[in-house]
Amino acid sequence: MNIGTASEKSGLPAKTIRYYEDIGLIRSDRAGNGYRDYSMADVHRLRFLQRSRSLGFSVEECRQLLSLYSDKERASADVKAIAKTKLGEIDRKLAELTELRNALRHLVQTCHGDDRPDCPIIEGLSGRAREQ
């Protein structure tokens, strides 16, 4: 199938498919006319990549996962280790975002939001609130 059909079946834009091919994540055959020719197995790999990327895996992590996907002798422990590492990264990011939200919430709650020039948000952002 051509790239347009592979794009429709995988849910990925043709540009992304070309990018994945350029960086070696997938490899298509070439038809007699030189156009890319994708198989259903290629579409399955593209869907796998799309789902992996949507879960936050990096291109390199996707490369590892795709290699394990293709390896019928793989150990599930190898797959779990990659997913567990990603889960730890997400947990750390969530903790950081929670801290940011709490700090900003505190600044917003302490600001009067009126016509006065003093503003705890500006003071907090400038670091002056800590110096006092």
Protein backbone atom coordinates (compact mmCIF):
# COMPACT_ATOMS: atom_id res chain seq x y z
CA MET A 1 0.00 0.00 0.00
CA ASN A 2 1.13 3.57 -0.55
CA ILE A 3 1.97 6.04 2.21
CA GLY A 4 -1.47 7.66 2.08
CA THR A 5 -3.19 4.36 2.77
CA ALA A 6 -0.65 3.47 5.46
CA SER A 7 -1.31 6.87 7.01
CA GLU A 8 -5.07 6.26 7.07
CA LYS A 9 -4.74 2.77 8.52
CA SER A 10 -2.16 3.71 11.15
CA GLY A 11 -3.60 7.06 12.18
CA LEU A 12 -0.24 8.77 11.64
CA PRO A 13 0.39 11.63 9.22
CA ALA A 14 2.47 10.77 6.16
CA LYS A 15 5.08 13.27 7.35
CA THR A 16 5.52 11.31 10.60
CA ILE A 17 5.79 8.04 8.70
CA ARG A 18 8.51 9.53 6.50
CA TYR A 19 10.30 10.81 9.62
CA TYR A 20 10.15 7.38 11.26
CA GLU A 21 11.59 5.92 8.09
CA ASP A 22 14.34 8.57 7.92
CA ILE A 23 15.48 7.80 11.46
CA GLY A 24 15.30 4.05 10.90
CA LEU A 25 12.34 3.13 13.08
CA ILE A 26 10.59 1.52 10.14
CA ARG A 27 11.66 0.45 6.71
CA SER A 28 9.32 0.21 3.75
CA ASP A 29 9.79 -1.71 0.57
CA ARG A 30 9.94 0.18 -2.71
CA ALA A 31 7.56 -0.48 -5.54
CA GLY A 32 8.81 -0.73 -9.12
CA ASN A 33 8.12 2.97 -9.60
CA GLY A 34 10.25 3.88 -6.56
CA TYR A 35 7.35 4.77 -4.30
CA ARG A 36 7.19 3.50 -0.74
CA ASP A 37 5.22 0.27 -0.41
CA TYR A 38 3.88 -0.61 3.05
CA SER A 39 2.56 -3.94 4.26
CA MET A 40 0.00 -4.60 6.99
CA ALA A 41 2.93 -5.57 9.23
CA ASP A 42 4.31 -2.05 8.66
CA VAL A 43 0.93 -0.59 9.62
CA HIS A 44 0.95 -2.65 12.83
CA ARG A 45 4.42 -1.31 13.66
CA LEU A 46 3.25 2.23 12.92
CA ARG A 47 0.25 1.78 15.22
CA PHE A 48 2.58 0.39 17.88
CA LEU A 49 4.78 3.48 17.52
CA GLN A 50 1.80 5.81 17.64
CA ARG A 51 0.52 4.25 20.88
CA SER A 52 4.01 4.19 22.38
CA ARG A 53 4.58 7.87 21.60
CA SER A 54 1.15 8.76 22.99
CA LEU A 55 2.21 7.18 26.30
CA GLY A 56 5.23 9.46 26.40
CA PHE A 57 7.97 7.10 25.26
CA SER A 58 10.85 8.85 23.52
CA VAL A 59 11.96 7.93 20.03
CA GLU A 60 14.87 5.93 21.46
CA GLU A 61 12.60 4.14 23.92
CA CYS A 62 10.26 3.39 21.01
CA ARG A 63 13.23 1.96 19.13
CA GLN A 64 13.91 -0.41 22.05
CA LEU A 65 10.24 -1.33 22.41
CA LEU A 66 9.87 -1.91 18.68
CA SER A 67 12.89 -4.20 18.77
CA LEU A 68 11.31 -6.15 21.62
CA TYR A 69 7.97 -6.16 19.79
CA SER A 70 9.66 -7.85 16.84
CA ASP A 71 11.60 -10.31 19.02
CA LYS A 72 9.41 -13.35 19.68
CA GLU A 73 12.05 -14.64 22.12
CA ARG A 74 11.97 -11.44 24.22
CA ALA A 75 11.75 -11.52 27.98
CA SER A 76 8.77 -9.60 29.28
CA ALA A 77 11.05 -8.37 32.08
CA ASP A 78 12.91 -6.29 29.49
CA VAL A 79 9.69 -4.66 28.34
CA LYS A 80 8.54 -4.11 31.92
CA ALA A 81 11.85 -2.46 32.84
CA ILE A 82 11.41 0.14 30.09
CA ALA A 83 7.79 0.79 31.06
CA LYS A 84 8.67 0.96 34.76
CA THR A 85 11.40 3.53 34.09
CA LYS A 86 8.93 5.64 32.08
CA LEU A 87 6.37 5.36 34.88
CA GLY A 88 8.98 6.64 37.35
CA GLU A 89 9.70 9.61 35.09
CA ILE A 90 5.99 10.42 34.85
CA ASP A 91 5.62 10.15 38.65
CA ARG A 92 8.53 12.59 39.11
CA LYS A 93 7.02 15.03 36.62
CA LEU A 94 3.66 14.81 38.37
CA ALA A 95 5.29 15.56 41.71
CA GLU A 96 7.08 18.58 40.20
CA LEU A 97 3.86 19.82 38.62
CA THR A 98 2.00 19.40 41.91
CA GLU A 99 4.65 21.50 43.66
CA LEU A 100 4.40 24.15 40.95
CA ARG A 101 0.62 24.21 41.18
CA ASN A 102 0.71 24.54 44.96
CA ALA A 103 3.25 27.37 44.83
CA LEU A 104 1.28 29.25 42.19
CA ARG A 105 -2.00 28.63 44.01
CA HIS A 106 -0.47 30.13 47.17
CA LEU A 107 0.69 33.21 45.24
CA VAL A 108 -2.74 33.67 43.65
CA GLN A 109 -4.52 33.26 46.98
CA THR A 110 -2.32 35.83 48.72
CA CYS A 111 -2.74 38.47 46.01
CA HIS A 112 -5.55 40.95 46.63
CA GLY A 113 -6.06 41.50 42.91
CA ASP A 114 -7.15 45.09 43.37
CA ASP A 115 -5.84 48.55 42.45
CA ARG A 116 -2.99 48.49 44.98
CA PRO A 117 0.53 48.23 43.54
CA ASP A 118 1.79 45.65 46.05
CA CYS A 119 1.45 42.17 44.62
CA PRO A 120 2.60 38.95 46.28
CA ILE A 121 2.79 37.27 42.87
CA ILE A 122 5.33 39.81 41.56
CA GLU A 123 7.22 39.65 44.85
CA GLY A 124 7.24 35.87 44.75
CA LEU A 125 8.46 35.77 41.17
CA SER A 126 11.19 38.32 41.88
CA GLY A 127 12.39 36.41 44.94
CA ARG A 128 11.89 39.44 47.19
CA ALA A 129 9.44 37.56 49.38
CA ARG A 130 12.24 35.19 50.46
CA GLU A 131 14.74 37.97 51.21
CA GLN A 132 12.53 39.59 53.85
